[in-house]
């Protein structure tokens, strides 16, 4: 292999690595801003076991949790503040998008994430604390406006 072919191969490998990183970050793989351990969505194959009498039974994976979306447009929550209700132990996903830069804070769980146009903030965690927790915009609070984006209610399981 010539020197130019080796250089071309190295450049191609670097391009593939950069594309893989961009795809991982764009799909939420780059979130590590104070939330609990990074969680990945995995698909579990159906498990087949044999019940008494030799009859096969099937167990399927639980459905993926709903994604709760909050949209901020011109400093206001589209549709009003969100009301998100889950049970303790549930996996929670909240995606906040905005048409201007902001910092979003989920009180009680102390998770804070930046949001920018085209770069929504994704909160993924296990609801392990019961209560009612406010989701607030720090930009609105700093500007003297109502910061409430929504409330997360975690009920006993």
Protein backbone atom coordinates (compact mmCIF):
# COMPACT_ATOMS: atom_id res chain seq x y z
CA UNK A 1 0.00 0.00 0.00
CA UNK A 2 1.40 3.37 -0.99
CA UNK A 3 1.86 6.29 1.38
CA UNK A 4 -1.01 8.19 -0.24
CA UNK A 5 -3.33 5.20 0.11
CA UNK A 6 -2.50 4.93 3.84
CA UNK A 7 -3.16 8.66 4.32
CA UNK A 8 -6.45 8.33 2.45
CA UNK A 9 -7.45 5.39 4.63
CA UNK A 10 -6.61 7.31 7.82
CA UNK A 11 -8.62 10.34 6.63
CA UNK A 12 -11.61 8.09 5.82
CA UNK A 13 -11.40 6.49 9.27
CA UNK A 14 -11.30 9.91 10.94
CA UNK A 15 -14.37 11.05 8.97
CA UNK A 16 -16.28 7.91 10.01
CA UNK A 17 -15.34 8.51 13.68
CA UNK A 18 -16.49 12.16 13.55
CA UNK A 19 -19.81 11.19 11.93
CA UNK A 20 -20.37 8.51 14.59
CA UNK A 21 -19.77 11.04 17.38
CA UNK A 22 -22.12 13.60 15.79
CA UNK A 23 -24.85 10.98 15.41
CA UNK A 24 -24.41 9.83 19.03
CA UNK A 25 -24.64 13.38 20.38
CA UNK A 26 -27.62 14.24 18.17
CA UNK A 27 -29.51 11.18 19.39
CA UNK A 28 -29.05 12.16 23.05
CA UNK A 29 -26.01 10.02 23.77
CA UNK A 30 -24.07 13.08 24.91
CA UNK A 31 -26.31 13.98 27.85
CA UNK A 32 -24.38 13.88 31.10
CA UNK A 33 -25.47 17.09 32.76
CA UNK A 34 -26.16 15.95 36.31
CA UNK A 35 -28.85 13.43 35.61
CA UNK A 36 -28.67 9.93 36.92
CA UNK A 37 -26.52 7.33 35.19
CA UNK A 38 -26.88 7.49 31.42
CA UNK A 39 -29.72 5.33 30.36
CA UNK A 40 -29.96 3.59 27.03
CA UNK A 41 -33.03 2.31 25.32
CA UNK A 42 -32.64 -1.39 24.72
CA UNK A 43 -34.98 -3.70 22.91
CA UNK A 44 -35.49 -6.97 24.70
CA UNK A 45 -36.27 -10.00 22.67
CA UNK A 46 -39.29 -12.03 23.60
CA UNK A 47 -38.49 -14.73 26.07
CA UNK A 48 -40.18 -18.06 25.68
CA UNK A 49 -40.54 -20.39 28.62
CA UNK A 50 -42.48 -23.57 29.10
CA UNK A 51 -45.42 -23.58 31.47
CA UNK A 52 -46.64 -26.68 33.26
CA UNK A 53 -47.79 -29.24 30.74
CA UNK A 54 -45.26 -28.16 28.11
CA UNK A 55 -47.24 -25.19 26.77
CA UNK A 56 -44.94 -22.34 25.73
CA UNK A 57 -45.65 -18.92 27.25
CA UNK A 58 -44.26 -15.63 26.02
CA UNK A 59 -43.04 -12.66 28.02
CA UNK A 60 -42.55 -9.35 26.26
CA UNK A 61 -40.68 -6.26 27.32
CA UNK A 62 -42.72 -3.41 28.82
CA UNK A 63 -43.67 -0.57 26.49
CA UNK A 64 -41.26 2.34 26.17
CA UNK A 65 -42.20 5.23 28.47
CA UNK A 66 -43.99 8.18 26.91
CA UNK A 67 -41.91 11.19 25.96
CA UNK A 68 -43.24 14.37 27.57
CA UNK A 69 -42.61 17.45 25.44
CA UNK A 70 -42.50 21.10 26.47
CA UNK A 71 -42.08 23.81 23.84
CA UNK A 72 -41.04 27.39 24.64
CA UNK A 73 -41.82 29.95 21.93
CA UNK A 74 -40.95 33.61 22.39
CA UNK A 75 -40.56 33.08 26.15
CA UNK A 76 -43.98 31.43 26.62
CA UNK A 77 -44.89 27.76 27.06
CA UNK A 78 -46.89 26.60 24.05
CA UNK A 79 -50.23 25.28 25.37
CA UNK A 80 -49.48 26.41 28.93
CA UNK A 81 -47.39 24.73 31.62
CA UNK A 82 -47.16 20.95 31.29
CA UNK A 83 -48.75 18.64 33.85
CA UNK A 84 -46.71 15.42 33.90
CA UNK A 85 -47.88 12.58 36.16
CA UNK A 86 -45.91 9.39 36.78
CA UNK A 87 -45.60 6.66 39.38
CA UNK A 88 -42.57 6.19 41.60
CA UNK A 89 -40.13 3.90 39.80
CA UNK A 90 -41.23 4.96 36.31
CA UNK A 91 -38.67 5.94 33.69
CA UNK A 92 -39.29 9.60 32.80
CA UNK A 93 -38.30 11.40 29.61
CA UNK A 94 -38.96 15.12 29.23
CA UNK A 95 -37.82 16.97 26.11
CA UNK A 96 -37.79 20.78 26.23
CA UNK A 97 -37.36 22.75 23.01
CA UNK A 98 -37.13 26.51 22.60
CA UNK A 99 -36.65 29.12 19.89
CA UNK A 100 -34.19 31.05 22.10
CA UNK A 101 -31.38 29.98 24.47
CA UNK A 102 -32.47 29.15 28.01
CA UNK A 103 -31.56 27.05 31.04
CA UNK A 104 -34.21 24.62 32.28
CA UNK A 105 -34.24 23.34 35.87
CA UNK A 106 -36.18 20.39 37.29
CA UNK A 107 -36.45 21.15 41.01
CA UNK A 108 -36.29 18.33 43.54
CA UNK A 109 -34.21 16.18 41.21
CA UNK A 110 -31.77 19.07 40.75
CA UNK A 111 -31.27 18.50 37.03
CA UNK A 112 -30.45 21.59 34.99
CA UNK A 113 -29.86 21.62 31.25
CA UNK A 114 -29.30 24.23 28.56
CA UNK A 115 -31.71 24.46 25.62
CA UNK A 116 -31.08 26.27 22.34
CA UNK A 117 -32.89 26.53 19.02
CA UNK A 118 -32.43 23.18 17.30
CA UNK A 119 -30.84 21.67 20.44
CA UNK A 120 -33.58 20.50 22.82
CA UNK A 121 -32.79 19.56 26.41
CA UNK A 122 -33.60 15.92 27.22
CA UNK A 123 -34.19 14.90 30.82
CA UNK A 124 -34.06 11.10 31.34
CA UNK A 125 -34.25 9.66 34.84
CA UNK A 126 -36.03 7.25 37.17
CA UNK A 127 -38.79 8.88 39.23
CA UNK A 128 -37.48 7.77 42.62
CA UNK A 129 -38.65 10.75 44.72
CA UNK A 130 -42.38 11.22 45.41
CA UNK A 131 -43.91 14.69 45.31
CA UNK A 132 -44.65 17.61 43.01
CA UNK A 133 -41.66 19.21 41.30
CA UNK A 134 -41.56 22.38 39.22
CA UNK A 135 -39.80 22.63 35.87
CA UNK A 136 -38.64 26.21 35.43
CA UNK A 137 -36.96 28.53 32.95
CA UNK A 138 -34.03 30.40 34.48
CA UNK A 139 -34.16 32.98 31.68
CA UNK A 140 -37.80 33.85 32.48
CA UNK A 141 -36.97 34.01 36.19
CA UNK A 142 -34.01 36.33 35.54
CA UNK A 143 -36.24 38.58 33.41
CA UNK A 144 -38.94 38.78 36.11
CA UNK A 145 -41.46 36.64 34.19
CA UNK A 146 -43.31 33.54 35.39
CA UNK A 147 -40.68 30.79 35.09
CA UNK A 148 -43.06 27.80 35.34
CA UNK A 149 -42.78 25.45 32.35
CA UNK A 150 -44.54 22.54 33.99
CA UNK A 151 -45.02 20.35 37.04
CA UNK A 152 -43.92 16.78 37.52
CA UNK A 153 -46.07 14.80 39.94
CA UNK A 154 -44.56 11.53 41.19
CA UNK A 155 -47.17 9.40 42.94
CA UNK A 156 -46.56 6.28 45.04
CA UNK A 157 -46.28 3.11 42.96
